[in-house]
Every structure is written in structure tokens, then in C-alpha cells.
PDB file of N, CA and C in Angstrom:
ATOM      1  N   MET A   1       0.858  -1.177   0.000  1.00  0.00           N
ATOM      2  CA  MET A   1       0.000   0.000   0.000  1.00  0.00           C
ATOM      3  C   MET A   1       0.904   1.240   0.000  1.00  0.00           C
ATOM      4  N   LYS A   2       0.580   2.191  -0.788  1.00  0.00           N
ATOM      5  CA  LYS A   2       1.410   3.377  -0.915  1.00  0.00           C
ATOM      6  C   LYS A   2       1.144   4.354   0.228  1.00  0.00           C
ATOM      7  N   GLU A   3       2.182   5.085   0.568  1.00  0.00           N
ATOM      8  CA  GLU A   3       2.093   6.056   1.657  1.00  0.00           C
ATOM      9  C   GLU A   3       0.987   7.080   1.421  1.00  0.00           C
ATOM     10  N   LEU A   4       0.853   7.538   0.207  1.00  0.00           N
ATOM     11  CA  LEU A   4      -0.171   8.531  -0.115  1.00  0.00           C
ATOM     12  C   LEU A   4      -1.578   7.971   0.114  1.00  0.00           C
ATOM     13  N   GLU A   5      -1.784   6.716  -0.259  1.00  0.00           N
ATOM     14  CA  GLU A   5      -3.091   6.090  -0.041  1.00  0.00           C
ATOM     15  C   GLU A   5      -3.417   5.985   1.446  1.00  0.00           C
ATOM     16  N   ILE A   6      -2.420   5.624   2.231  1.00  0.00           N
ATOM     17  CA  ILE A   6      -2.622   5.519   3.683  1.00  0.00           C
ATOM     18  C   ILE A   6      -2.911   6.889   4.269  1.00  0.00           C
ATOM     19  N   ARG A   7      -2.171   7.895   3.817  1.00  0.00           N
ATOM     20  CA  ARG A   7      -2.401   9.261   4.305  1.00  0.00           C
ATOM     21  C   ARG A   7      -3.830   9.706   3.995  1.00  0.00           C
ATOM     22  N   ARG A   8      -4.290   9.415   2.789  1.00  0.00           N
ATOM     23  CA  ARG A   8      -5.666   9.793   2.415  1.00  0.00           C
ATOM     24  C   ARG A   8      -6.692   9.027   3.247  1.00  0.00           C
ATOM     25  N   ALA A   9      -6.414   7.747   3.502  1.00  0.00           N
ATOM     26  CA  ALA A   9      -7.321   6.953   4.335  1.00  0.00           C
ATOM     27  C   ALA A   9      -7.375   7.522   5.743  1.00  0.00           C
ATOM     28  N   ARG A  10      -6.247   7.948   6.265  1.00  0.00           N
ATOM     29  CA  ARG A  10      -6.189   8.549   7.613  1.00  0.00           C
ATOM     30  C   ARG A  10      -6.990   9.848   7.636  1.00  0.00           C
ATOM     31  N   GLU A  11      -6.796  10.671   6.632  1.00  0.00           N
ATOM     32  CA  GLU A  11      -7.557  11.925   6.559  1.00  0.00           C
ATOM     33  C   GLU A  11      -9.054  11.648   6.497  1.00  0.00           C
ATOM     34  N   GLY A  12      -9.443  10.638   5.719  1.00  0.00           N
ATOM     35  CA  GLY A  12     -10.843  10.261   5.642  1.00  0.00           C
ATOM     36  C   GLY A  12     -11.369   9.772   6.983  1.00  0.00           C
ATOM     37  N   PHE A  13     -10.565   9.007   7.691  1.00  0.00           N
ATOM     38  CA  PHE A  13     -10.958   8.525   9.011  1.00  0.00           C
ATOM     39  C   PHE A  13     -11.204   9.704   9.954  1.00  0.00           C
ATOM     40  N   ILE A  14     -10.296  10.664   9.931  1.00  0.00           N
ATOM     41  CA  ILE A  14     -10.411  11.843  10.798  1.00  0.00           C
ATOM     42  C   ILE A  14     -11.686  12.619  10.472  1.00  0.00           C
ATOM     43  N   GLU A  15     -12.020  12.674   9.199  1.00  0.00           N
ATOM     44  CA  GLU A  15     -13.225  13.401   8.768  1.00  0.00           C
ATOM     45  C   GLU A  15     -14.493  12.567   8.918  1.00  0.00           C
ATOM     46  N   GLY A  16     -14.362  11.324   9.369  1.00  0.00           N
ATOM     47  CA  GLY A  16     -15.529  10.480   9.598  1.00  0.00           C
ATOM     48  C   GLY A  16     -15.978   9.671   8.400  1.00  0.00           C
ATOM     49  N   ARG A  17     -15.138   9.640   7.360  1.00  0.00           N
ATOM     50  CA  ARG A  17     -15.484   8.840   6.182  1.00  0.00           C
ATOM     51  C   ARG A  17     -14.857   7.452   6.294  1.00  0.00           C
ATOM     52  N   ARG A  18     -15.444   6.503   5.650  1.00  0.00           N
ATOM     53  CA  ARG A  18     -14.894   5.157   5.615  1.00  0.00           C
ATOM     54  C   ARG A  18     -13.756   5.093   4.595  1.00  0.00           C
ATOM     55  N   ALA A  19     -12.768   4.291   4.913  1.00  0.00           N
ATOM     56  CA  ALA A  19     -11.620   4.128   4.015  1.00  0.00           C
ATOM     57  C   ALA A  19     -12.073   3.450   2.725  1.00  0.00           C
ATOM     58  N   GLN A  20     -11.559   3.905   1.606  1.00  0.00           N
ATOM     59  CA  GLN A  20     -11.891   3.340   0.305  1.00  0.00           C
ATOM     60  C   GLN A  20     -11.002   2.138  -0.026  1.00  0.00           C
ATOM     61  N   LEU A  21      -9.994   1.884   0.771  1.00  0.00           N
ATOM     62  CA  LEU A  21      -9.119   0.762   0.519  1.00  0.00           C
ATOM     63  C   LEU A  21      -9.028  -0.091   1.780  1.00  0.00           C
ATOM     64  N   PRO A  22      -8.707  -1.353   1.629  1.00  0.00           N
ATOM     65  CA  PRO A  22      -8.635  -2.226   2.802  1.00  0.00           C
ATOM     66  C   PRO A  22      -7.430  -1.880   3.671  1.00  0.00           C
ATOM     67  N   LEU A  23      -7.689  -1.679   4.945  1.00  0.00           N
ATOM     68  CA  LEU A  23      -6.626  -1.396   5.905  1.00  0.00           C
ATOM     69  C   LEU A  23      -6.606  -2.504   6.950  1.00  0.00           C
ATOM     70  N   ARG A  24      -5.433  -2.781   7.468  1.00  0.00           N
ATOM     71  CA  ARG A  24      -5.342  -3.779   8.532  1.00  0.00           C
ATOM     72  C   ARG A  24      -6.118  -3.276   9.745  1.00  0.00           C
ATOM     73  N   GLY A  25      -6.817  -4.180  10.384  1.00  0.00           N
ATOM     74  CA  GLY A  25      -7.613  -3.837  11.554  1.00  0.00           C
ATOM     75  C   GLY A  25      -6.800  -3.188  12.648  1.00  0.00           C
ATOM     76  N   ILE A  26      -5.562  -3.626  12.810  1.00  0.00           N
ATOM     77  CA  ILE A  26      -4.712  -3.077  13.857  1.00  0.00           C
ATOM     78  C   ILE A  26      -4.435  -1.584  13.631  1.00  0.00           C
ATOM     79  N   VAL A  27      -4.371  -1.190  12.370  1.00  0.00           N
ATOM     80  CA  VAL A  27      -4.138   0.222  12.038  1.00  0.00           C
ATOM     81  C   VAL A  27      -5.361   1.059  12.397  1.00  0.00           C
ATOM     82  N   VAL A  28      -6.511   0.617  11.945  1.00  0.00           N
ATOM     83  CA  VAL A  28      -7.753   1.347  12.223  1.00  0.00           C
ATOM     84  C   VAL A  28      -8.021   1.378  13.726  1.00  0.00           C
ATOM     85  N   ASP A  29      -7.747   0.271  14.429  1.00  0.00           N
ATOM     86  CA  ASP A  29      -7.924   0.235  15.882  1.00  0.00           C
ATOM     87  C   ASP A  29      -7.027   1.260  16.573  1.00  0.00           C
ATOM     88  N   SER A  30      -5.810   1.381  16.093  1.00  0.00           N
ATOM     89  CA  SER A  30      -4.883   2.360  16.659  1.00  0.00           C
ATOM     90  C   SER A  30      -5.386   3.777  16.442  1.00  0.00           C
ATOM     91  N   TRP A  31      -5.850   4.059  15.230  1.00  0.00           N
ATOM     92  CA  TRP A  31      -6.409   5.380  14.942  1.00  0.00           C
ATOM     93  C   TRP A  31      -7.597   5.667  15.851  1.00  0.00           C
ATOM     94  N   GLN A  32      -8.428   4.645  16.063  1.00  0.00           N
ATOM     95  CA  GLN A  32      -9.618   4.825  16.894  1.00  0.00           C
ATOM     96  C   GLN A  32      -9.229   5.088  18.353  1.00  0.00           C
ATOM     97  N   ARG A  33      -8.256   4.340  18.869  1.00  0.00           N
ATOM     98  CA  ARG A  33      -7.796   4.575  20.251  1.00  0.00           C
ATOM     99  C   ARG A  33      -7.256   5.990  20.413  1.00  0.00           C
ATOM    100  N   SER A  34      -6.473   6.426  19.456  1.00  0.00           N
ATOM    101  CA  SER A  34      -5.929   7.785  19.520  1.00  0.00           C
ATOM    102  C   SER A  34      -7.056   8.807  19.540  1.00  0.00           C
ATOM    103  N   GLN A  35      -8.033   8.606  18.681  1.00  0.00           N
ATOM    104  CA  GLN A  35      -9.173   9.526  18.628  1.00  0.00           C
ATOM    105  C   GLN A  35      -9.969   9.486  19.936  1.00  0.00           C
ATOM    106  N   ASP A  36     -10.195   8.291  20.469  1.00  0.00           N
ATOM    107  CA  ASP A  36     -10.950   8.136  21.718  1.00  0.00           C
ATOM    108  C   ASP A  36     -10.262   8.817  22.903  1.00  0.00           C
ATOM    109  N   HIS A  37      -8.930   8.860  22.869  1.00  0.00           N
ATOM    110  CA  HIS A  37      -8.173   9.464  23.965  1.00  0.00           C
ATOM    111  C   HIS A  37      -7.808  10.924  23.707  1.00  0.00           C
ATOM    112  N   GLY A  38      -8.332  11.475  22.647  1.00  0.00           N
ATOM    113  CA  GLY A  38      -8.119  12.895  22.385  1.00  0.00           C
ATOM    114  C   GLY A  38      -6.707  13.262  21.963  1.00  0.00           C
ATOM    115  N   VAL A  39      -5.995  12.308  21.369  1.00  0.00           N
ATOM    116  CA  VAL A  39      -4.646  12.605  20.884  1.00  0.00           C
ATOM    117  C   VAL A  39      -4.773  13.524  19.677  1.00  0.00           C
ATOM    118  N   PRO A  40      -4.089  14.668  19.704  1.00  0.00           N
ATOM    119  CA  PRO A  40      -4.197  15.598  18.579  1.00  0.00           C
ATOM    120  C   PRO A  40      -3.777  14.949  17.258  1.00  0.00           C
ATOM    121  N   VAL A  41      -4.530  15.207  16.224  1.00  0.00           N
ATOM    122  CA  VAL A  41      -4.288  14.619  14.906  1.00  0.00           C
ATOM    123  C   VAL A  41      -2.911  14.999  14.375  1.00  0.00           C
ATOM    124  N   GLU A  42      -2.486  16.206  14.647  1.00  0.00           N
ATOM    125  CA  GLU A  42      -1.218  16.681  14.097  1.00  0.00           C
ATOM    126  C   GLU A  42       0.009  16.138  14.821  1.00  0.00           C
ATOM    127  N   ARG A  43      -0.192  15.437  15.922  1.00  0.00           N
ATOM    128  CA  ARG A  43       0.948  14.901  16.682  1.00  0.00           C
ATOM    129  C   ARG A  43       1.647  13.831  15.864  1.00  0.00           C
ATOM    130  N   LYS A  44       2.959  13.951  15.737  1.00  0.00           N
ATOM    131  CA  LYS A  44       3.747  13.013  14.934  1.00  0.00           C
ATOM    132  C   LYS A  44       4.476  11.981  15.789  1.00  0.00           C
ATOM    133  N   GLU A  45       4.629  12.262  17.089  1.00  0.00           N
ATOM    134  CA  GLU A  45       5.358  11.351  17.963  1.00  0.00           C
ATOM    135  C   GLU A  45       4.821  11.453  19.383  1.00  0.00           C
ATOM    136  N   ALA A  46       5.173  10.502  20.203  1.00  0.00           N
ATOM    137  CA  ALA A  46       4.718  10.498  21.591  1.00  0.00           C
ATOM    138  C   ALA A  46       5.400  11.632  22.365  1.00  0.00           C
ATOM    139  N   PRO A  47       4.694  12.221  23.322  1.00  0.00           N
ATOM    140  CA  PRO A  47       5.325  13.266  24.124  1.00  0.00           C
ATOM    141  C   PRO A  47       6.393  12.659  25.030  1.00  0.00           C
ATOM    142  N   LEU A  48       7.385  13.445  25.341  1.00  0.00           N
ATOM    143  CA  LEU A  48       8.446  12.983  26.242  1.00  0.00           C
ATOM    144  C   LEU A  48       7.939  12.999  27.677  1.00  0.00           C
ATOM    145  N   ALA A  49       8.350  12.001  28.439  1.00  0.00           N
ATOM    146  CA  ALA A  49       7.981  11.958  29.859  1.00  0.00           C
ATOM    147  C   ALA A  49       8.864  12.936  30.632  1.00  0.00           C
ATOM    148  N   LEU A  50       8.311  13.516  31.659  1.00  0.00           N
ATOM    149  CA  LEU A  50       9.084  14.402  32.523  1.00  0.00           C
ATOM    150  C   LEU A  50      10.049  13.573  33.357  1.00  0.00           C
ATOM    151  N   GLU A  51      11.178  14.149  33.714  1.00  0.00           N
ATOM    152  CA  GLU A  51      12.197  13.450  34.491  1.00  0.00           C
ATOM    153  C   GLU A  51      11.612  12.883  35.782  1.00  0.00           C
ATOM    154  N   ALA A  52      10.783  13.664  36.468  1.00  0.00           N
ATOM    155  CA  ALA A  52      10.178  13.201  37.718  1.00  0.00           C
ATOM    156  C   ALA A  52       9.312  11.968  37.493  1.00  0.00           C
ATOM    157  N   GLU A  53       8.589  11.932  36.375  1.00  0.00           N
ATOM    158  CA  GLU A  53       7.758  10.772  36.064  1.00  0.00           C
ATOM    159  C   GLU A  53       8.612   9.538  35.818  1.00  0.00           C
ATOM    160  N   LEU A  54       9.744   9.724  35.138  1.00  0.00           N
ATOM    161  CA  LEU A  54      10.644   8.595  34.879  1.00  0.00           C
ATOM    162  C   LEU A  54      11.201   8.033  36.180  1.00  0.00           C
ATOM    163  N   VAL A  55      11.653   8.924  37.050  1.00  0.00           N
ATOM    164  CA  VAL A  55      12.220   8.492  38.327  1.00  0.00           C
ATOM    165  C   VAL A  55      11.158   7.771  39.154  1.00  0.00           C
ATOM    166  N   GLN A  56       9.958   8.340  39.227  1.00  0.00           N
ATOM    167  CA  GLN A  56       8.877   7.731  39.995  1.00  0.00           C
ATOM    168  C   GLN A  56       8.501   6.366  39.421  1.00  0.00           C
ATOM    169  N   GLY A  57       8.377   6.278  38.114  1.00  0.00           N
ATOM    170  CA  GLY A  57       8.037   5.010  37.481  1.00  0.00           C
ATOM    171  C   GLY A  57       9.100   3.955  37.712  1.00  0.00           C
ATOM    172  N   HIS A  58      10.351   4.349  37.609  1.00  0.00           N
ATOM    173  CA  HIS A  58      11.455   3.407  37.838  1.00  0.00           C
ATOM    174  C   HIS A  58      11.444   2.935  39.281  1.00  0.00           C
ATOM    175  N   SER A  59      11.214   3.846  40.197  1.00  0.00           N
ATOM    176  CA  SER A  59      11.175   3.504  41.624  1.00  0.00           C
ATOM    177  C   SER A  59      10.010   2.562  41.928  1.00  0.00           C
ATOM    178  N   THR A  60       8.848   2.889  41.405  1.00  0.00           N
ATOM    179  CA  THR A  60       7.651   2.092  41.654  1.00  0.00           C
ATOM    180  C   THR A  60       7.774   0.685  41.087  1.00  0.00           C
ATOM    181  N   HIS A  61       8.438   0.564  39.941  1.00  0.00           N
ATOM    182  CA  HIS A  61       8.510  -0.714  39.236  1.00  0.00           C
ATOM    183  C   HIS A  61       9.930  -1.264  39.178  1.00  0.00           C
ATOM    184  N   SER A  62      10.736  -0.961  40.184  1.00  0.00           N
ATOM    185  CA  SER A  62      12.150  -1.349  40.140  1.00  0.00           C
ATOM    186  C   SER A  62      12.348  -2.861  40.023  1.00  0.00           C
ATOM    187  N   SER A  63      11.507  -3.659  40.680  1.00  0.00           N
ATOM    188  CA  SER A  63      11.671  -5.114  40.579  1.00  0.00           C
ATOM    189  C   SER A  63      11.369  -5.601  39.160  1.00  0.00           C
ATOM    190  N   LEU A  64      10.374  -4.994  38.516  1.00  0.00           N
ATOM    191  CA  LEU A  64      10.054  -5.352  37.137  1.00  0.00           C
ATOM    192  C   LEU A  64      11.178  -4.927  36.196  1.00  0.00           C
ATOM    193  N   VAL A  65      11.720  -3.730  36.427  1.00  0.00           N
ATOM    194  CA  VAL A  65      12.831  -3.238  35.599  1.00  0.00           C
ATOM    195  C   VAL A  65      14.018  -4.190  35.711  1.00  0.00           C
ATOM    196  N   GLU A  66      14.335  -4.620  36.922  1.00  0.00           N
ATOM    197  CA  GLU A  66      15.458  -5.545  37.119  1.00  0.00           C
ATOM    198  C   GLU A  66      15.197  -6.891  36.449  1.00  0.00           C
ATOM    199  N   ALA A  67      13.985  -7.387  36.571  1.00  0.00           N
ATOM    200  CA  ALA A  67      13.651  -8.675  35.957  1.00  0.00           C
ATOM    201  C   ALA A  67      13.730  -8.593  34.434  1.00  0.00           C
ATOM    202  N   ALA A  68      13.389  -7.447  33.864  1.00  0.00           N
ATOM    203  CA  ALA A  68      13.379  -7.280  32.411  1.00  0.00           C
ATOM    204  C   ALA A  68      14.748  -6.953  31.832  1.00  0.00           C
ATOM    205  N   ARG A  69      15.675  -6.544  32.674  1.00  0.00           N
ATOM    206  CA  ARG A  69      16.982  -6.071  32.192  1.00  0.00           C
ATOM    207  C   ARG A  69      17.675  -7.063  31.244  1.00  0.00           C
ATOM    208  N   PRO A  70      17.788  -8.362  31.565  1.00  0.00           N
ATOM    209  CA  PRO A  70      18.466  -9.284  30.634  1.00  0.00           C
ATOM    210  C   PRO A  70      17.766  -9.375  29.270  1.00  0.00           C
ATOM    211  N   ALA A  71      16.448  -9.425  29.273  1.00  0.00           N
ATOM    212  CA  ALA A  71      15.713  -9.507  28.009  1.00  0.00           C
ATOM    213  C   ALA A  71      15.887  -8.225  27.200  1.00  0.00           C
ATOM    214  N   LEU A  72      15.876  -7.095  27.868  1.00  0.00           N
ATOM    215  CA  LEU A  72      16.062  -5.817  27.169  1.00  0.00           C
ATOM    216  C   LEU A  72      17.466  -5.719  26.589  1.00  0.00           C
ATOM    217  N   ARG A  73      18.456  -6.226  27.324  1.00  0.00           N
ATOM    218  CA  ARG A  73      19.837  -6.211  26.828  1.00  0.00           C
ATOM    219  C   ARG A  73      19.933  -7.069  25.557  1.00  0.00           C
ATOM    220  N   GLN A  74      19.325  -8.250  25.578  1.00  0.00           N
ATOM    221  CA  GLN A  74      19.344  -9.118  24.391  1.00  0.00           C
ATOM    222  C   GLN A  74      18.611  -8.467  23.225  1.00  0.00           C
ATOM    223  N   ALA A  75      17.489  -7.849  23.499  1.00  0.00           N
ATOM    224  CA  ALA A  75      16.724  -7.184  22.440  1.00  0.00           C
ATOM    225  C   ALA A  75      17.544  -6.058  21.821  1.00  0.00           C
ATOM    226  N   ARG A  76      18.240  -5.294  22.667  1.00  0.00           N
ATOM    227  CA  ARG A  76      19.067  -4.201  22.142  1.00  0.00           C
ATOM    228  C   ARG A  76      20.152  -4.739  21.212  1.00  0.00           C
ATOM    229  N   LEU A  77      20.804  -5.831  21.628  1.00  0.00           N
ATOM    230  CA  LEU A  77      21.853  -6.421  20.791  1.00  0.00           C
ATOM    231  C   LEU A  77      21.274  -6.970  19.488  1.00  0.00           C
ATOM    232  N   PHE A  78      20.147  -7.636  19.576  1.00  0.00           N
ATOM    233  CA  PHE A  78      19.491  -8.187  18.388  1.00  0.00           C
ATOM    234  C   PHE A  78      19.105  -7.079  17.411  1.00  0.00           C
ATOM    235  N   LEU A  79      18.500  -6.021  17.932  1.00  0.00           N
ATOM    236  CA  LEU A  79      18.058  -4.928  17.061  1.00  0.00           C
ATOM    237  C   LEU A  79      19.238  -4.175  16.467  1.00  0.00           C
ATOM    238  N   ALA A  80      20.305  -4.047  17.227  1.00  0.00           N
ATOM    239  CA  ALA A  80      21.489  -3.342  16.715  1.00  0.00           C
ATOM    240  C   ALA A  80      22.063  -4.055  15.492  1.00  0.00           C
ATOM    241  N   THR A  81      22.005  -5.372  15.476  1.00  0.00           N
ATOM    242  CA  THR A  81      22.540  -6.098  14.317  1.00  0.00           C
ATOM    243  C   THR A  81      21.597  -6.003  13.124  1.00  0.00           C
ATOM    244  N   ARG A  82      20.319  -5.760  13.352  1.00  0.00           N
ATOM    245  CA  ARG A  82      19.341  -5.688  12.270  1.00  0.00           C
ATOM    246  C   ARG A  82      19.292  -4.304  11.628  1.00  0.00           C
ATOM    247  N   ILE A  83      19.609  -3.287  12.391  1.00  0.00           N
ATOM    248  CA  ILE A  83      19.471  -1.912  11.905  1.00  0.00           C
ATOM    249  C   ILE A  83      20.663  -1.504  11.043  1.00  0.00           C
ATOM    250  N   GLN A  84      21.792  -2.064  11.300  1.00  0.00           N
ATOM    251  CA  GLN A  84      23.013  -1.648  10.580  1.00  0.00           C
ATOM    252  C   GLN A  84      22.976  -1.970   9.153  1.00  0.00           C
TER     253      GLN A  84
END
């Protein structure tokens, strides 16, 4: 599917029209969740978390962070070899 077609389908979704081309359900579901949560249409990326929120989240979930550390390290190494 071409980028322009997807862009037009997204614009149609925002305007309340049905897409003229078949889109994966996961894409339309994502658009719907964003709309339901009031995410601005013009937003291109997720907002950055504030430093205090990061520290609080890390503190609150420190045992989970520690448990996930080996898997995250492996994922980082795996992805680094794929991106190059």
C-alpha cells in the first residue's frame, strides 16, 4: 500500500469517512484509540515523559525493571545487528 493512499485513508478517518481501501484492523484500531483518547491529529510522535515521572516510574517498578533487564539487553543487541 502506498504512503499517499494511507495518508488519504487517515484523513478520511479523521473526517468520519470510511476508508476506500482495505486497511489492517490493527491500524484502524490504533487510529480509533488515539481519537478516543483525544490525541491531537497533528501529533507526529509520543510526548516525552518528565524526568520526575521517569524516576517515579522506575522507583515504583524497580523489581520489574530488574527482571526485564536481561531480556532488554538481548533485544538491544538483536536490534542493533538488524538496523546496521
